[in-house]
Structures are given as C-alpha cells and as structure tokens.
PDB file of N, CA and C in Angstrom:
ATOM      1  N   MET A   1      94.560  91.445 161.524  1.00  0.00           N
ATOM      2  CA  MET A   1      94.116  91.919 160.239  1.00  0.00           C
ATOM      3  C   MET A   1      94.218  90.769 159.247  1.00  0.00           C
ATOM      4  N   PRO A   2      93.181  90.539 158.489  1.00  0.00           N
ATOM      5  CA  PRO A   2      93.228  89.458 157.500  1.00  0.00           C
ATOM      6  C   PRO A   2      94.318  89.703 156.457  1.00  0.00           C
ATOM      7  N   GLN A   3      94.752  88.627 155.842  1.00  0.00           N
ATOM      8  CA  GLN A   3      95.848  88.738 154.895  1.00  0.00           C
ATOM      9  C   GLN A   3      95.505  88.049 153.574  1.00  0.00           C
ATOM     10  N   LEU A   4      95.911  88.687 152.496  1.00  0.00           N
ATOM     11  CA  LEU A   4      95.854  88.105 151.159  1.00  0.00           C
ATOM     12  C   LEU A   4      97.282  87.917 150.686  1.00  0.00           C
ATOM     13  N   THR A   5      97.480  86.967 149.823  1.00  0.00           N
ATOM     14  CA  THR A   5      98.797  86.831 149.215  1.00  0.00           C
ATOM     15  C   THR A   5      98.731  87.391 147.800  1.00  0.00           C
ATOM     16  N   ALA A   6      99.877  87.748 147.282  1.00  0.00           N
ATOM     17  CA  ALA A   6      99.931  88.233 145.907  1.00  0.00           C
ATOM     18  C   ALA A   6      99.392  87.166 144.960  1.00  0.00           C
ATOM     19  N   ASN A   7      99.637  85.911 145.296  1.00  0.00           N
ATOM     20  CA  ASN A   7      99.138  84.822 144.457  1.00  0.00           C
ATOM     21  C   ASN A   7      97.604  84.764 144.479  1.00  0.00           C
ATOM     22  N   ASP A   8      96.995  84.999 145.671  1.00  0.00           N
ATOM     23  CA  ASP A   8      95.523  85.060 145.747  1.00  0.00           C
ATOM     24  C   ASP A   8      94.987  86.095 144.763  1.00  0.00           C
ATOM     25  N   LEU A   9      95.631  87.245 144.749  1.00  0.00           N
ATOM     26  CA  LEU A   9      95.188  88.305 143.844  1.00  0.00           C
ATOM     27  C   LEU A   9      95.390  87.925 142.388  1.00  0.00           C
ATOM     28  N   LYS A  10      96.500  87.285 142.112  1.00  0.00           N
ATOM     29  CA  LYS A  10      96.797  86.881 140.737  1.00  0.00           C
ATOM     30  C   LYS A  10      95.761  85.883 140.235  1.00  0.00           C
ATOM     31  N   VAL A  11      95.410  84.941 141.100  1.00  0.00           N
ATOM     32  CA  VAL A  11      94.489  83.879 140.703  1.00  0.00           C
ATOM     33  C   VAL A  11      93.027  84.329 140.745  1.00  0.00           C
ATOM     34  N   ARG A  12      92.643  85.018 141.828  1.00  0.00           N
ATOM     35  CA  ARG A  12      91.228  85.315 142.048  1.00  0.00           C
ATOM     36  C   ARG A  12      90.847  86.774 141.820  1.00  0.00           C
ATOM     37  N   GLY A  13      91.826  87.650 141.730  1.00  0.00           N
ATOM     38  CA  GLY A  13      91.563  89.053 141.446  1.00  0.00           C
ATOM     39  C   GLY A  13      90.735  89.753 142.514  1.00  0.00           C
ATOM     40  N   VAL A  14      89.843  90.631 142.058  1.00  0.00           N
ATOM     41  CA  VAL A  14      89.026  91.452 142.950  1.00  0.00           C
ATOM     42  C   VAL A  14      88.144  90.594 143.849  1.00  0.00           C
ATOM     43  N   ALA A  15      87.749  89.415 143.387  1.00  0.00           N
ATOM     44  CA  ALA A  15      86.910  88.532 144.204  1.00  0.00           C
ATOM     45  C   ALA A  15      87.611  88.191 145.522  1.00  0.00           C
ATOM     46  N   ALA A  16      88.928  88.027 145.490  1.00  0.00           N
ATOM     47  CA  ALA A  16      89.678  87.729 146.708  1.00  0.00           C
ATOM     48  C   ALA A  16      89.623  88.909 147.670  1.00  0.00           C
ATOM     49  N   ILE A  17      89.726  90.120 147.134  1.00  0.00           N
ATOM     50  CA  ILE A  17      89.643  91.322 147.972  1.00  0.00           C
ATOM     51  C   ILE A  17      88.251  91.448 148.568  1.00  0.00           C
ATOM     52  N   GLU A  18      87.235  91.283 147.742  1.00  0.00           N
ATOM     53  CA  GLU A  18      85.855  91.383 148.228  1.00  0.00           C
ATOM     54  C   GLU A  18      85.581  90.371 149.332  1.00  0.00           C
ATOM     55  N   GLU A  19      86.093  89.174 149.161  1.00  0.00           N
ATOM     56  CA  GLU A  19      85.866  88.130 150.164  1.00  0.00           C
ATOM     57  C   GLU A  19      86.519  88.474 151.494  1.00  0.00           C
ATOM     58  N   VAL A  20      87.779  88.896 151.459  1.00  0.00           N
ATOM     59  CA  VAL A  20      88.494  89.180 152.701  1.00  0.00           C
ATOM     60  C   VAL A  20      87.944  90.436 153.384  1.00  0.00           C
ATOM     61  N   LEU A  21      87.386  91.364 152.602  1.00  0.00           N
ATOM     62  CA  LEU A  21      86.834  92.586 153.192  1.00  0.00           C
ATOM     63  C   LEU A  21      85.363  92.444 153.576  1.00  0.00           C
ATOM     64  N   SER A  22      84.778  91.288 153.342  1.00  0.00           N
ATOM     65  CA  SER A  22      83.353  91.119 153.649  1.00  0.00           C
ATOM     66  C   SER A  22      83.046  91.304 155.132  1.00  0.00           C
ATOM     67  N   GLY A  23      83.987  90.965 155.993  1.00  0.00           N
ATOM     68  CA  GLY A  23      83.763  91.125 157.427  1.00  0.00           C
ATOM     69  C   GLY A  23      84.767  92.038 158.097  1.00  0.00           C
ATOM     70  N   GLN A  24      85.637  92.673 157.314  1.00  0.00           N
ATOM     71  CA  GLN A  24      86.705  93.522 157.846  1.00  0.00           C
ATOM     72  C   GLN A  24      86.744  94.839 157.081  1.00  0.00           C
ATOM     73  N   THR A  25      87.388  95.826 157.650  1.00  0.00           N
ATOM     74  CA  THR A  25      87.516  97.103 156.950  1.00  0.00           C
ATOM     75  C   THR A  25      88.807  97.207 156.155  1.00  0.00           C
ATOM     76  N   GLU A  26      89.791  96.361 156.484  1.00  0.00           N
ATOM     77  CA  GLU A  26      91.061  96.403 155.777  1.00  0.00           C
ATOM     78  C   GLU A  26      91.752  95.052 155.854  1.00  0.00           C
ATOM     79  N   ALA A  27      92.691  94.848 154.935  1.00  0.00           N
ATOM     80  CA  ALA A  27      93.457  93.601 154.904  1.00  0.00           C
ATOM     81  C   ALA A  27      94.834  93.896 154.329  1.00  0.00           C
ATOM     82  N   THR A  28      95.811  93.092 154.725  1.00  0.00           N
ATOM     83  CA  THR A  28      97.154  93.246 154.171  1.00  0.00           C
ATOM     84  C   THR A  28      97.318  92.322 152.977  1.00  0.00           C
ATOM     85  N   ILE A  29      98.217  92.720 152.097  1.00  0.00           N
ATOM     86  CA  ILE A  29      98.604  91.877 150.968  1.00  0.00           C
ATOM     87  C   ILE A  29     100.071  91.560 151.162  1.00  0.00           C
ATOM     88  N   SER A  30     100.376  90.283 151.196  1.00  0.00           N
ATOM     89  CA  SER A  30     101.766  89.889 151.382  1.00  0.00           C
ATOM     90  C   SER A  30     102.369  89.475 150.043  1.00  0.00           C
ATOM     91  N   VAL A  31     103.615  89.827 149.888  1.00  0.00           N
ATOM     92  CA  VAL A  31     104.379  89.474 148.699  1.00  0.00           C
ATOM     93  C   VAL A  31     105.614  88.735 149.186  1.00  0.00           C
ATOM     94  N   ARG A  32     105.755  87.504 148.750  1.00  0.00           N
ATOM     95  CA  ARG A  32     106.861  86.633 149.170  1.00  0.00           C
ATOM     96  C   ARG A  32     106.966  86.553 150.689  1.00  0.00           C
ATOM     97  N   GLY A  33     105.804  86.448 151.349  1.00  0.00           N
ATOM     98  CA  GLY A  33     105.760  86.244 152.790  1.00  0.00           C
ATOM     99  C   GLY A  33     105.878  87.501 153.643  1.00  0.00           C
ATOM    100  N   LYS A  34     106.006  88.668 152.999  1.00  0.00           N
ATOM    101  CA  LYS A  34     106.139  89.912 153.760  1.00  0.00           C
ATOM    102  C   LYS A  34     104.973  90.837 153.436  1.00  0.00           C
ATOM    103  N   ASP A  35     104.392  91.436 154.493  1.00  0.00           N
ATOM    104  CA  ASP A  35     103.312  92.392 154.274  1.00  0.00           C
ATOM    105  C   ASP A  35     103.846  93.586 153.494  1.00  0.00           C
ATOM    106  N   ARG A  36     103.151  93.911 152.385  1.00  0.00           N
ATOM    107  CA  ARG A  36     103.623  95.004 151.540  1.00  0.00           C
ATOM    108  C   ARG A  36     102.576  96.084 151.311  1.00  0.00           C
ATOM    109  N   PHE A  37     101.294  95.708 151.310  1.00  0.00           N
ATOM    110  CA  PHE A  37     100.239  96.647 150.968  1.00  0.00           C
ATOM    111  C   PHE A  37      99.043  96.442 151.886  1.00  0.00           C
ATOM    112  N   VAL A  38      98.195  97.450 151.926  1.00  0.00           N
ATOM    113  CA  VAL A  38      96.935  97.355 152.652  1.00  0.00           C
ATOM    114  C   VAL A  38      95.828  97.733 151.684  1.00  0.00           C
ATOM    115  N   VAL A  39      94.770  96.934 151.660  1.00  0.00           N
ATOM    116  CA  VAL A  39      93.580  97.275 150.882  1.00  0.00           C
ATOM    117  C   VAL A  39      92.450  97.516 151.861  1.00  0.00           C
ATOM    118  N   MET A  40      91.556  98.424 151.474  1.00  0.00           N
ATOM    119  CA  MET A  40      90.434  98.726 152.354  1.00  0.00           C
ATOM    120  C   MET A  40      89.253  99.201 151.531  1.00  0.00           C
ATOM    121  N   ASP A  41      88.113  99.134 152.157  1.00  0.00           N
ATOM    122  CA  ASP A  41      86.898  99.655 151.572  1.00  0.00           C
ATOM    123  C   ASP A  41      87.059 101.166 151.427  1.00  0.00           C
ATOM    124  N   VAL A  42      86.502 101.737 150.379  1.00  0.00           N
ATOM    125  CA  VAL A  42      86.661 103.165 150.140  1.00  0.00           C
ATOM    126  C   VAL A  42      86.052 103.994 151.274  1.00  0.00           C
ATOM    127  N   ALA A  43      85.013 103.515 151.915  1.00  0.00           N
ATOM    128  CA  ALA A  43      84.433 104.236 153.052  1.00  0.00           C
ATOM    129  C   ALA A  43      85.439 104.328 154.195  1.00  0.00           C
ATOM    130  N   GLN A  44      86.194 103.260 154.434  1.00  0.00           N
ATOM    131  CA  GLN A  44      87.236 103.265 155.458  1.00  0.00           C
ATOM    132  C   GLN A  44      88.342 104.247 155.083  1.00  0.00           C
ATOM    133  N   TYR A  45      88.709 104.270 153.808  1.00  0.00           N
ATOM    134  CA  TYR A  45      89.726 105.198 153.330  1.00  0.00           C
ATOM    135  C   TYR A  45      89.291 106.645 153.583  1.00  0.00           C
ATOM    136  N   HIS A  46      88.044 106.961 153.236  1.00  0.00           N
ATOM    137  CA  HIS A  46      87.543 108.325 153.446  1.00  0.00           C
ATOM    138  C   HIS A  46      87.518 108.677 154.933  1.00  0.00           C
ATOM    139  N   TYR A  47      87.162 107.723 155.763  1.00  0.00           N
ATOM    140  CA  TYR A  47      87.161 107.939 157.211  1.00  0.00           C
ATOM    141  C   TYR A  47      88.577 108.260 157.705  1.00  0.00           C
ATOM    142  N   LEU A  48      89.562 107.485 157.254  1.00  0.00           N
ATOM    143  CA  LEU A  48      90.943 107.715 157.674  1.00  0.00           C
ATOM    144  C   LEU A  48      91.466 109.058 157.180  1.00  0.00           C
ATOM    145  N   ARG A  49      91.102 109.435 155.952  1.00  0.00           N
ATOM    146  CA  ARG A  49      91.503 110.745 155.422  1.00  0.00           C
ATOM    147  C   ARG A  49      90.896 111.860 156.272  1.00  0.00           C
ATOM    148  N   GLU A  50      89.632 111.705 156.643  1.00  0.00           N
ATOM    149  CA  GLU A  50      88.984 112.710 157.473  1.00  0.00           C
ATOM    150  C   GLU A  50      89.685 112.830 158.828  1.00  0.00           C
ATOM    151  N   CYS A  51      90.066 111.693 159.402  1.00  0.00           N
ATOM    152  CA  CYS A  51      90.816 111.712 160.671  1.00  0.00           C
ATOM    153  C   CYS A  51      92.142 112.438 160.502  1.00  0.00           C
ATOM    154  N   GLU A  52      92.822 112.180 159.403  1.00  0.00           N
ATOM    155  CA  GLU A  52      94.100 112.820 159.125  1.00  0.00           C
ATOM    156  C   GLU A  52      93.930 114.340 158.991  1.00  0.00           C
ATOM    157  N   LEU A  53      92.876 114.756 158.300  1.00  0.00           N
ATOM    158  CA  LEU A  53      92.622 116.189 158.136  1.00  0.00           C
ATOM    159  C   LEU A  53      92.240 116.842 159.461  1.00  0.00           C
ATOM    160  N   GLU A  54      91.475 116.143 160.279  1.00  0.00           N
ATOM    161  CA  GLU A  54      91.108 116.662 161.599  1.00  0.00           C
ATOM    162  C   GLU A  54      92.356 116.826 162.475  1.00  0.00           C
ATOM    163  N   ALA A  55      93.278 115.879 162.397  1.00  0.00           N
ATOM    164  CA  ALA A  55      94.520 115.969 163.168  1.00  0.00           C
ATOM    165  C   ALA A  55      95.359 117.162 162.700  1.00  0.00           C
ATOM    166  N   ALA A  56      95.418 117.379 161.393  1.00  0.00           N
ATOM    167  CA  ALA A  56      96.161 118.524 160.860  1.00  0.00           C
ATOM    168  C   ALA A  56      95.527 119.837 161.315  1.00  0.00           C
ATOM    169  N   LEU A  57      94.203 119.893 161.309  1.00  0.00           N
ATOM    170  CA  LEU A  57      93.502 121.096 161.762  1.00  0.00           C
ATOM    171  C   LEU A  57      93.770 121.351 163.246  1.00  0.00           C
ATOM    172  N   ALA A  58      93.744 120.294 164.049  1.00  0.00           N
ATOM    173  CA  ALA A  58      94.025 120.436 165.482  1.00  0.00           C
ATOM    174  C   ALA A  58      95.457 120.935 165.697  1.00  0.00           C
ATOM    175  N   GLN A  59      96.404 120.423 164.924  1.00  0.00           N
ATOM    176  CA  GLN A  59      97.798 120.871 165.037  1.00  0.00           C
ATOM    177  C   GLN A  59      97.924 122.335 164.639  1.00  0.00           C
ATOM    178  N   SER A  60      97.238 122.733 163.583  1.00  0.00           N
ATOM    179  CA  SER A  60      97.274 124.134 163.147  1.00  0.00           C
ATOM    180  C   SER A  60      96.698 125.050 164.212  1.00  0.00           C
ATOM    181  N   ARG A  61      95.587 124.640 164.804  1.00  0.00           N
ATOM    182  CA  ARG A  61      94.989 125.442 165.872  1.00  0.00           C
ATOM    183  C   ARG A  61      95.926 125.554 167.070  1.00  0.00           C
ATOM    184  N   ALA A  62      96.610 124.471 167.396  1.00  0.00           N
ATOM    185  CA  ALA A  62      97.568 124.494 168.504  1.00  0.00           C
ATOM    186  C   ALA A  62      98.733 125.427 168.180  1.00  0.00           C
ATOM    187  N   ASP A  63      99.193 125.413 166.927  1.00  0.00           N
ATOM    188  CA  ASP A  63     100.279 126.308 166.514  1.00  0.00           C
ATOM    189  C   ASP A  63      99.850 127.769 166.641  1.00  0.00           C
ATOM    190  N   VAL A  64      98.635 128.083 166.209  1.00  0.00           N
ATOM    191  CA  VAL A  64      98.131 129.455 166.316  1.00  0.00           C
ATOM    192  C   VAL A  64      98.033 129.858 167.777  1.00  0.00           C
ATOM    193  N   ALA A  65      97.475 128.989 168.609  1.00  0.00           N
ATOM    194  CA  ALA A  65      97.308 129.291 170.037  1.00  0.00           C
ATOM    195  C   ALA A  65      98.656 129.494 170.733  1.00  0.00           C
ATOM    196  N   ALA A  66      99.693 128.775 170.271  1.00  0.00           N
ATOM    197  CA  ALA A  66     101.018 128.882 170.899  1.00  0.00           C
ATOM    198  C   ALA A  66     101.868 129.992 170.279  1.00  0.00           C
ATOM    199  N   GLY A  67     101.294 130.713 169.323  1.00  0.00           N
ATOM    200  CA  GLY A  67     102.043 131.802 168.703  1.00  0.00           C
ATOM    201  C   GLY A  67     103.041 131.361 167.662  1.00  0.00           C
ATOM    202  N   ARG A  68     102.860 130.171 167.126  1.00  0.00           N
ATOM    203  CA  ARG A  68     103.772 129.660 166.096  1.00  0.00           C
ATOM    204  C   ARG A  68     103.209 129.881 164.696  1.00  0.00           C
ATOM    205  N   ALA A  69     102.460 130.973 164.517  1.00  0.00           N
ATOM    206  CA  ALA A  69     101.873 131.272 163.211  1.00  0.00           C
ATOM    207  C   ALA A  69     102.121 132.734 162.887  1.00  0.00           C
ATOM    208  N   VAL A  70     102.150 133.051 161.617  1.00  0.00           N
ATOM    209  CA  VAL A  70     102.380 134.414 161.159  1.00  0.00           C
ATOM    210  C   VAL A  70     101.150 134.851 160.372  1.00  0.00           C
ATOM    211  N   THR A  71     100.661 136.072 160.687  1.00  0.00           N
ATOM    212  CA  THR A  71      99.558 136.646 159.925  1.00  0.00           C
ATOM    213  C   THR A  71     100.133 137.756 159.066  1.00  0.00           C
ATOM    214  N   GLU A  72      99.980 137.603 157.747  1.00  0.00           N
ATOM    215  CA  GLU A  72     100.529 138.592 156.830  1.00  0.00           C
ATOM    216  C   GLU A  72      99.818 138.517 155.492  1.00  0.00           C
ATOM    217  N   THR A  73      99.962 139.561 154.712  1.00  0.00           N
ATOM    218  CA  THR A  73      99.380 139.566 153.371  1.00  0.00           C
ATOM    219  C   THR A  73     100.261 138.718 152.457  1.00  0.00           C
ATOM    220  N   ALA A  74      99.769 138.455 151.258  1.00  0.00           N
ATOM    221  CA  ALA A  74     100.557 137.696 150.291  1.00  0.00           C
ATOM    222  C   ALA A  74     101.838 138.449 149.945  1.00  0.00           C
ATOM    223  N   ALA A  75     101.737 139.759 149.790  1.00  0.00           N
ATOM    224  CA  ALA A  75     102.923 140.556 149.461  1.00  0.00           C
ATOM    225  C   ALA A  75     103.939 140.511 150.601  1.00  0.00           C
ATOM    226  N   GLU A  76     103.469 140.624 151.835  1.00  0.00           N
ATOM    227  CA  GLU A  76     104.375 140.546 152.990  1.00  0.00           C
ATOM    228  C   GLU A  76     105.026 139.166 153.070  1.00  0.00           C
ATOM    229  N   HIS A  77     104.261 138.151 152.769  1.00  0.00           N
ATOM    230  CA  HIS A  77     104.794 136.785 152.777  1.00  0.00           C
ATOM    231  C   HIS A  77     105.913 136.642 151.748  1.00  0.00           C
ATOM    232  N   MET A  78     105.681 137.150 150.548  1.00  0.00           N
ATOM    233  CA  MET A  78     106.700 137.054 149.504  1.00  0.00           C
ATOM    234  C   MET A  78     107.971 137.812 149.910  1.00  0.00           C
ATOM    235  N   GLN A  79     107.815 138.978 150.512  1.00  0.00           N
ATOM    236  CA  GLN A  79     108.977 139.746 150.970  1.00  0.00           C
ATOM    237  C   GLN A  79     109.745 138.974 152.040  1.00  0.00           C
ATOM    238  N   ARG A  80     109.012 138.368 152.963  1.00  0.00           N
ATOM    239  CA  ARG A  80     109.660 137.590 154.026  1.00  0.00           C
ATOM    240  C   ARG A  80     110.407 136.402 153.442  1.00  0.00           C
ATOM    241  N   MET A  81     109.791 135.714 152.473  1.00  0.00           N
ATOM    242  CA  MET A  81     110.448 134.566 151.850  1.00  0.00           C
ATOM    243  C   MET A  81     111.699 135.002 151.097  1.00  0.00           C
ATOM    244  N   GLU A  82     111.625 136.128 150.406  1.00  0.00           N
ATOM    245  CA  GLU A  82     112.792 136.633 149.678  1.00  0.00           C
ATOM    246  C   GLU A  82     113.924 136.987 150.643  1.00  0.00           C
ATOM    247  N   ARG A  83     113.583 137.582 151.797  1.00  0.00           N
ATOM    248  CA  ARG A  83     114.607 137.886 152.807  1.00  0.00           C
ATOM    249  C   ARG A  83     115.259 136.598 153.316  1.00  0.00           C
ATOM    250  N   LEU A  84     114.421 135.599 153.591  1.00  0.00           N
ATOM    251  CA  LEU A  84     114.961 134.325 154.091  1.00  0.00           C
ATOM    252  C   LEU A  84     115.868 133.661 153.054  1.00  0.00           C
ATOM    253  N   LEU A  85     115.460 133.692 151.792  1.00  0.00           N
ATOM    254  CA  LEU A  85     116.285 133.116 150.734  1.00  0.00           C
ATOM    255  C   LEU A  85     117.602 133.868 150.599  1.00  0.00           C
ATOM    256  N   ALA A  86     117.549 135.191 150.698  1.00  0.00           N
ATOM    257  CA  ALA A  86     118.768 136.004 150.617  1.00  0.00           C
ATOM    258  C   ALA A  86     119.709 135.675 151.771  1.00  0.00           C
ATOM    259  N   GLU A  87     119.129 135.510 152.969  1.00  0.00           N
ATOM    260  CA  GLU A  87     119.942 135.152 154.134  1.00  0.00           C
ATOM    261  C   GLU A  87     120.596 133.788 153.945  1.00  0.00           C
ATOM    262  N   ASP A  88     119.837 132.836 153.416  1.00  0.00           N
ATOM    263  CA  ASP A  88     120.374 131.495 153.179  1.00  0.00           C
ATOM    264  C   ASP A  88     121.495 131.502 152.140  1.00  0.00           C
ATOM    265  N   SER A  89     121.317 132.266 151.093  1.00  0.00           N
ATOM    266  CA  SER A  89     122.334 132.276 150.030  1.00  0.00           C
ATOM    267  C   SER A  89     123.594 133.015 150.472  1.00  0.00           C
ATOM    268  N   GLY A  90     123.503 133.866 151.491  1.00  0.00           N
ATOM    269  CA  GLY A  90     124.659 134.598 152.003  1.00  0.00           C
ATOM    270  C   GLY A  90     125.505 133.788 152.967  1.00  0.00           C
ATOM    271  N   ARG A  91     125.065 132.617 153.313  1.00  0.00           N
ATOM    272  CA  ARG A  91     125.814 131.792 154.293  1.00  0.00           C
ATOM    273  C   ARG A  91     126.871 130.958 153.650  1.00  0.00           C
TER     274      ARG A  91
END
C-alpha cells in the first residue's frame, strides 16, 4: 500500500493525496514513521461500507436460522428488557 507522510500532507495538501491515489484505491499516512491513518477514494469507502453491511446481514440471517433471534412486539420487547434489568439489579 502506498504511503504518505504527515509532512507530505503539510507541504502539499490534497495534491499529495490525489497523486498517491491516482493508481491505488487507498494509502496509509505515517506520522513520525508509524502508520496512523488510511485515506481512500470515496468510491472505495462506499464499497467497503457495503461489504460491511452485507456481512452484518449475513450474520443476522445466520442468527435467525440458528434460532438466536427473538420475534416479539415492541411492547413485549420492553417488558422483556424490564425483566432483565430487574434481574440484574437484584444480583
């Protein structure tokens, strides 16, 4: 992964980011010799967010399929939460 230094950013600003991302989707920014941040094109960011949401959806579907989900109304949910809180406070 290409790397920018904090000094590159200080001196050249956004032009340094544009240059390093011209052939890459992301780059690290190092501060005092240590990688601290990642910059990326907004299209890459949206792609990664979509992947993250797809993974969460897959996990939710797996939880439902394995019986690790509860189907209830909002009122039933509130009652269940109140029972759990009461149980916790009684310990």
